Amino acid sequence: MKGKFKWSNLYLVFVFVLLYLPIFFLIVYSFNAGDVMQGWDGFSWKHYVELFVDTRILEIVVNTFLVALLSSLLASIIGTAGALFIYNQHNQLIKNIFLSLNNILLVSPDVIIGASFLILFTVIGFTLGFTSVLLSHIAFSIPIVVLMVLPRLQEMNPSLVTAAKDLGANNWQMLARVVLPVISPGILAGFFMAFTYSLDDFAVTFFVTGNGFSTLSVEIYSRARQGVSLEINALSAMMFLVSLLLVLVYYVISKRSSKGKKRAGTRLVMPATEGL
């Protein structure tokens, strides 16, 4: 029996076409021999050559990835600690207050967050540059990590911690050998989410950057005001490939993690079944 036609599938295809068609258009024109996105003048690698010759843009790429990597790593550590703190709160009122504060930061407009950091750094006399951008990215990435890790903690079986205590494990051993392995997928998801948000952030970075420091989003905006060069298309195409690579890496790590858990579960079940 043939499946019935579903309008939801058509809508899904339309959404994906709408999202990916501009990216495909951008990537195709990065190979255009011309200098503008009007008409096709033949296939050429010249915009990629110009990209790798442009030392300023390469320096900005390194700055952007450095900020994204450091901010996501530190946010993952701080966010995981924050999620553990919220999870272990026995007072429901205090737990709800911290959850609400975390959610407020998630839904707050980036312009408000960026302007707030700018005012803070100006008042305390903090020099705008690499450190100010890094601190700002860590701040808006922490709630993302908390949001990813907290559900994993809530799904964790409390009897695992109880069993570890009965076996004489101290707090550090319980954290390292019981809790962290269980919530590691959430930490990994939080890290990749924070890394992605940091890479493409514009509004917050625009407010707190200075002293000659810049990131890709701010630099592309500055160049677009002077007229979009196809060198930006080449850069955007490479960034899109990097994003795909990150998704594949996350997928592979998640698959290996799930297989490891299944094998560990099999090892635990087999001795029990042998004794029956």
Protein backbone atom coordinates (compact mmCIF):
# COMPACT_ATOMS: atom_id res chain seq x y z
CA MET A 1 0.00 0.00 0.00
CA LYS A 2 1.43 3.31 -1.07
CA GLY A 3 1.89 5.94 1.57
CA LYS A 4 -0.40 8.95 1.49
CA PHE A 5 0.95 12.28 0.36
CA LYS A 6 1.71 14.52 3.32
CA TRP A 7 1.69 18.29 3.04
CA SER A 8 4.04 18.40 6.01
CA ASN A 9 6.77 16.75 3.89
CA LEU A 10 6.29 19.34 1.16
CA TYR A 11 6.51 22.12 3.73
CA LEU A 12 9.72 20.59 5.13
CA VAL A 13 11.28 20.46 1.66
CA PHE A 14 10.26 24.09 1.06
CA VAL A 15 11.88 25.20 4.34
CA PHE A 16 15.15 23.41 3.58
CA VAL A 17 15.25 24.84 0.05
CA LEU A 18 14.58 28.31 1.44
CA LEU A 19 17.40 27.93 3.96
CA TYR A 20 20.05 26.31 1.77
CA LEU A 21 19.42 27.95 -1.62
CA PRO A 22 21.09 31.28 -0.63
CA ILE A 23 24.08 29.34 0.76
CA PHE A 24 24.34 27.33 -2.46
CA PHE A 25 24.10 30.55 -4.49
CA LEU A 26 26.85 32.12 -2.37
CA ILE A 27 29.18 29.10 -2.76
CA VAL A 28 28.65 28.89 -6.53
CA TYR A 29 29.56 32.54 -7.04
CA SER A 30 32.71 32.14 -4.94
CA PHE A 31 34.08 30.35 -8.06
CA ASN A 32 33.01 33.15 -10.43
CA ALA A 33 35.83 34.69 -12.46
CA GLY A 34 34.10 38.07 -12.22
CA ASP A 35 34.23 40.49 -9.31
CA VAL A 36 30.49 40.87 -8.64
CA MET A 37 27.52 38.55 -8.16
CA GLN A 38 25.86 39.70 -11.38
CA GLY A 39 26.41 37.35 -14.29
CA TRP A 40 28.70 34.35 -14.63
CA ASP A 41 32.12 35.07 -16.16
CA GLY A 42 33.54 31.56 -15.92
CA PHE A 43 35.03 29.23 -13.35
CA SER A 44 38.01 30.49 -11.34
CA TRP A 45 39.86 29.93 -8.06
CA LYS A 46 41.11 33.52 -7.93
CA HIS A 47 38.92 34.59 -5.00
CA TYR A 48 40.27 31.73 -2.89
CA VAL A 49 43.81 32.74 -3.86
CA GLU A 50 43.02 36.34 -2.84
CA LEU A 51 41.62 35.05 0.43
CA PHE A 52 44.80 33.19 1.38
CA VAL A 53 46.96 36.15 0.35
CA ASP A 54 44.94 38.55 2.54
CA THR A 55 46.91 38.40 5.81
CA ARG A 56 44.42 40.58 7.68
CA ILE A 57 41.49 38.26 7.03
CA LEU A 58 43.60 35.22 7.96
CA GLU A 59 44.57 36.88 11.24
CA ILE A 60 40.91 37.63 11.93
CA VAL A 61 39.99 33.99 11.18
CA VAL A 62 42.56 32.83 13.74
CA ASN A 63 41.23 35.38 16.28
CA THR A 64 37.66 34.23 15.71
CA PHE A 65 38.44 30.54 16.17
CA LEU A 66 40.64 31.26 19.19
CA VAL A 67 37.88 33.22 20.92
CA ALA A 68 35.29 30.56 20.02
CA LEU A 69 37.46 27.70 21.28
CA LEU A 70 38.50 29.35 24.55
CA SER A 71 35.03 30.72 25.33
CA SER A 72 33.31 27.39 24.62
CA LEU A 73 35.83 25.45 26.73
CA LEU A 74 35.55 27.81 29.71
CA ALA A 75 31.78 28.11 29.31
CA SER A 76 31.48 24.30 29.27
CA ILE A 77 33.37 24.05 32.57
CA ILE A 78 31.50 26.89 34.27
CA GLY A 79 28.13 25.88 32.77
CA THR A 80 28.53 22.25 33.89
CA ALA A 81 29.37 23.43 37.41
CA GLY A 82 26.32 25.71 37.32
CA ALA A 83 24.06 22.89 36.16
CA LEU A 84 25.35 20.66 38.98
CA PHE A 85 24.71 23.48 41.47
CA ILE A 86 21.13 23.95 40.26
CA TYR A 87 20.48 20.20 40.19
CA ASN A 88 21.69 19.72 43.77
CA GLN A 89 19.52 22.51 45.17
CA HIS A 90 16.92 21.01 47.49
CA ASN A 91 15.05 24.29 47.92
CA GLN A 92 12.65 24.45 44.96
CA LEU A 93 12.31 28.23 45.20
CA ILE A 94 16.08 28.79 44.89
CA LYS A 95 16.24 26.29 42.03
CA ASN A 96 13.46 28.09 40.15
CA ILE A 97 15.14 31.46 40.70
CA PHE A 98 18.43 30.26 39.17
CA LEU A 99 16.61 28.58 36.29
CA SER A 100 14.68 31.78 35.59
CA LEU A 101 17.86 33.86 35.66
CA ASN A 102 19.46 31.42 33.22
CA ASN A 103 16.45 31.51 30.89
CA ILE A 104 16.35 35.32 30.96
CA LEU A 105 19.90 35.43 29.60
CA LEU A 106 18.91 32.98 26.84
CA VAL A 107 16.00 35.07 25.59
CA SER A 108 17.57 38.50 26.11
CA PRO A 109 18.34 40.34 22.84
CA ASP A 110 22.02 40.32 21.88
CA VAL A 111 21.93 44.10 21.52
CA ILE A 112 20.95 44.48 25.18
CA ILE A 113 23.67 42.06 26.30
CA GLY A 114 26.29 43.78 24.15
CA ALA A 115 25.33 47.26 25.32
CA SER A 116 25.35 46.09 28.95
CA PHE A 117 28.88 44.72 28.63
CA LEU A 118 30.02 47.90 26.89
CA ILE A 119 28.69 50.03 29.76
CA LEU A 120 30.26 47.69 32.33
CA PHE A 121 33.68 47.69 30.68
CA THR A 122 33.56 51.46 30.23
CA VAL A 123 32.61 52.12 33.85
CA ILE A 124 35.37 49.93 35.30
CA GLY A 125 37.91 51.25 32.78
CA PHE A 126 38.49 47.89 31.08
CA THR A 127 40.27 48.12 27.71
CA LEU A 128 38.20 46.77 24.82
CA GLY A 129 39.89 44.07 22.77
CA PHE A 130 40.54 40.34 22.85
CA THR A 131 39.86 39.92 26.59
CA SER A 132 36.60 41.89 26.55
CA VAL A 133 35.31 39.85 23.60
CA LEU A 134 36.36 36.59 25.27
CA LEU A 135 34.66 37.46 28.58
CA SER A 136 31.46 38.48 26.78
CA HIS A 137 31.36 35.27 24.75
CA ILE A 138 31.91 33.18 27.87
CA ALA A 139 29.05 35.01 29.59
CA PHE A 140 26.43 34.43 26.87
CA SER A 141 27.61 30.83 26.29
CA ILE A 142 27.23 29.67 29.92
CA PRO A 143 23.37 29.61 29.85
CA ILE A 144 23.52 27.49 26.67
CA VAL A 145 25.72 24.89 28.37
CA VAL A 146 23.47 24.87 31.46
CA LEU A 147 20.46 24.26 29.20
CA MET A 148 22.22 21.30 27.54
CA VAL A 149 23.62 19.68 30.71
CA LEU A 150 20.70 20.08 33.12
CA PRO A 151 18.30 17.69 31.29
CA ARG A 152 21.01 15.01 31.33
CA LEU A 153 21.33 15.40 35.09
CA GLN A 154 17.57 15.14 35.49
CA GLU A 155 17.55 11.94 33.41
CA MET A 156 20.33 10.38 35.49
CA ASN A 157 19.28 7.52 37.76
CA PRO A 158 19.79 8.69 41.39
CA SER A 159 20.54 5.10 42.41
CA LEU A 160 23.90 5.37 40.61
CA VAL A 161 25.04 8.07 43.03
CA THR A 162 23.59 6.16 45.99
CA ALA A 163 25.41 2.99 44.93
CA ALA A 164 28.67 4.91 44.57
CA LYS A 165 28.28 6.29 48.10
CA ASP A 166 27.56 2.82 49.48
CA LEU A 167 30.76 1.57 47.84
CA GLY A 168 32.75 4.25 49.65
CA ALA A 169 33.31 6.73 46.80
CA ASN A 170 34.08 10.30 47.81
CA ASN A 171 32.57 13.35 46.11
CA TRP A 172 35.36 13.69 43.55
CA GLN A 173 35.19 10.00 42.61
CA MET A 174 31.41 10.19 42.21
CA LEU A 175 31.76 13.24 39.97
CA ALA A 176 34.58 11.83 37.82
CA ARG A 177 33.42 8.19 37.52
CA VAL A 178 29.64 8.37 37.78
CA VAL A 179 28.18 11.80 37.04
CA LEU A 180 30.46 13.12 34.29
CA PRO A 181 30.28 9.96 32.11
CA VAL A 182 26.47 10.13 32.28
CA ILE A 183 26.20 13.83 31.41
CA SER A 184 29.11 13.89 28.91
CA PRO A 185 26.76 13.98 25.85
CA GLY A 186 25.11 17.09 27.29
CA ILE A 187 28.50 18.71 27.95
CA LEU A 188 29.61 17.90 24.41
CA ALA A 189 26.40 19.30 22.95
CA GLY A 190 26.80 22.45 25.05
CA PHE A 191 30.40 22.86 23.89
CA PHE A 192 29.49 22.63 20.20
CA MET A 193 26.49 24.94 20.65
CA ALA A 194 28.64 27.51 22.47
CA PHE A 195 31.36 27.18 19.82
CA THR A 196 28.84 27.79 17.03
CA TYR A 197 27.20 30.75 18.78
CA SER A 198 30.60 32.32 19.38
CA LEU A 199 31.66 31.86 15.76
CA ASP A 200 28.68 33.66 14.25
CA ASP A 201 27.98 36.23 16.97
CA PHE A 202 27.87 39.80 15.71
CA ALA A 203 25.78 42.01 17.97
CA VAL A 204 27.62 41.40 21.26
CA THR A 205 31.06 41.40 19.61
CA PHE A 206 30.30 44.63 17.75
CA PHE A 207 29.81 46.44 21.08
CA VAL A 208 32.81 45.06 22.99
CA THR A 209 35.51 44.83 20.30
CA GLY A 210 38.21 47.46 20.00
CA ASN A 211 41.93 48.22 20.05
CA GLY A 212 42.39 46.80 16.54
CA PHE A 213 40.86 43.42 17.44
CA SER A 214 38.06 42.08 15.23
CA THR A 215 36.18 38.88 14.44
CA LEU A 216 34.83 37.53 11.17
CA SER A 217 31.26 38.72 11.66
CA VAL A 218 32.35 42.30 12.43
CA GLU A 219 34.91 42.32 9.59
CA ILE A 220 32.40 41.01 7.04
CA TYR A 221 29.92 43.67 8.14
CA SER A 222 32.56 46.39 7.77
CA ARG A 223 33.54 45.18 4.29
CA ALA A 224 29.93 44.78 3.18
CA ARG A 225 29.33 48.48 3.82
CA GLN A 226 32.05 49.22 1.24
CA GLY A 227 30.66 46.73 -1.29
CA VAL A 228 30.58 42.94 -1.07
CA SER A 229 33.68 41.29 -2.55
CA LEU A 230 33.55 37.71 -3.81
CA GLU A 231 36.47 37.07 -1.45
CA ILE A 232 33.81 37.12 1.27
CA ASN A 233 31.91 34.47 -0.68
CA ALA A 234 35.01 32.27 -0.69
CA LEU A 235 35.47 32.81 3.05
CA SER A 236 31.79 32.05 3.74
CA ALA A 237 32.00 28.87 1.66
CA MET A 238 34.96 27.65 3.70
CA MET A 239 33.21 28.53 6.96
CA PHE A 240 30.18 26.54 5.80
CA LEU A 241 32.42 23.53 5.16
CA VAL A 242 33.95 23.93 8.63
CA SER A 243 30.43 23.95 10.12
CA LEU A 244 29.58 20.74 8.25
CA LEU A 245 32.78 19.17 9.52
CA LEU A 246 31.89 20.11 13.12
CA VAL A 247 28.45 18.53 12.70
CA LEU A 248 30.03 15.32 11.37
CA VAL A 249 32.53 15.24 14.24
CA TYR A 250 29.74 15.68 16.77
CA TYR A 251 27.71 12.94 15.05
CA VAL A 252 30.63 10.48 15.11
CA ILE A 253 31.43 11.22 18.77
CA SER A 254 27.77 10.83 19.74
CA LYS A 255 27.54 7.50 17.91
CA ARG A 256 30.67 6.16 19.58
CA SER A 257 29.41 7.34 22.96
CA SER A 258 26.06 5.57 22.51
CA LYS A 259 27.80 2.35 21.38
CA GLY A 260 30.09 2.51 24.42
CA LYS A 261 27.09 2.82 26.72
CA LYS A 262 25.39 -0.16 25.10
CA ARG A 263 28.51 -2.29 25.52
CA ALA A 264 28.83 -1.21 29.15
CA GLY A 265 25.18 -2.08 29.72
CA THR A 266 25.73 -5.51 28.17
CA ARG A 267 28.69 -6.17 30.47
CA LEU A 268 26.53 -5.29 33.49
CA VAL A 269 23.60 -7.45 32.36
CA MET A 270 25.58 -10.57 31.44
CA PRO A 271 26.88 -11.39 34.94
CA ALA A 272 23.41 -10.93 36.35
CA THR A 273 21.87 -13.29 33.80
CA GLU A 274 24.60 -15.89 34.33
CA GLY A 275 23.72 -16.12 38.00
CA LEU A 276 20.05 -16.92 37.28
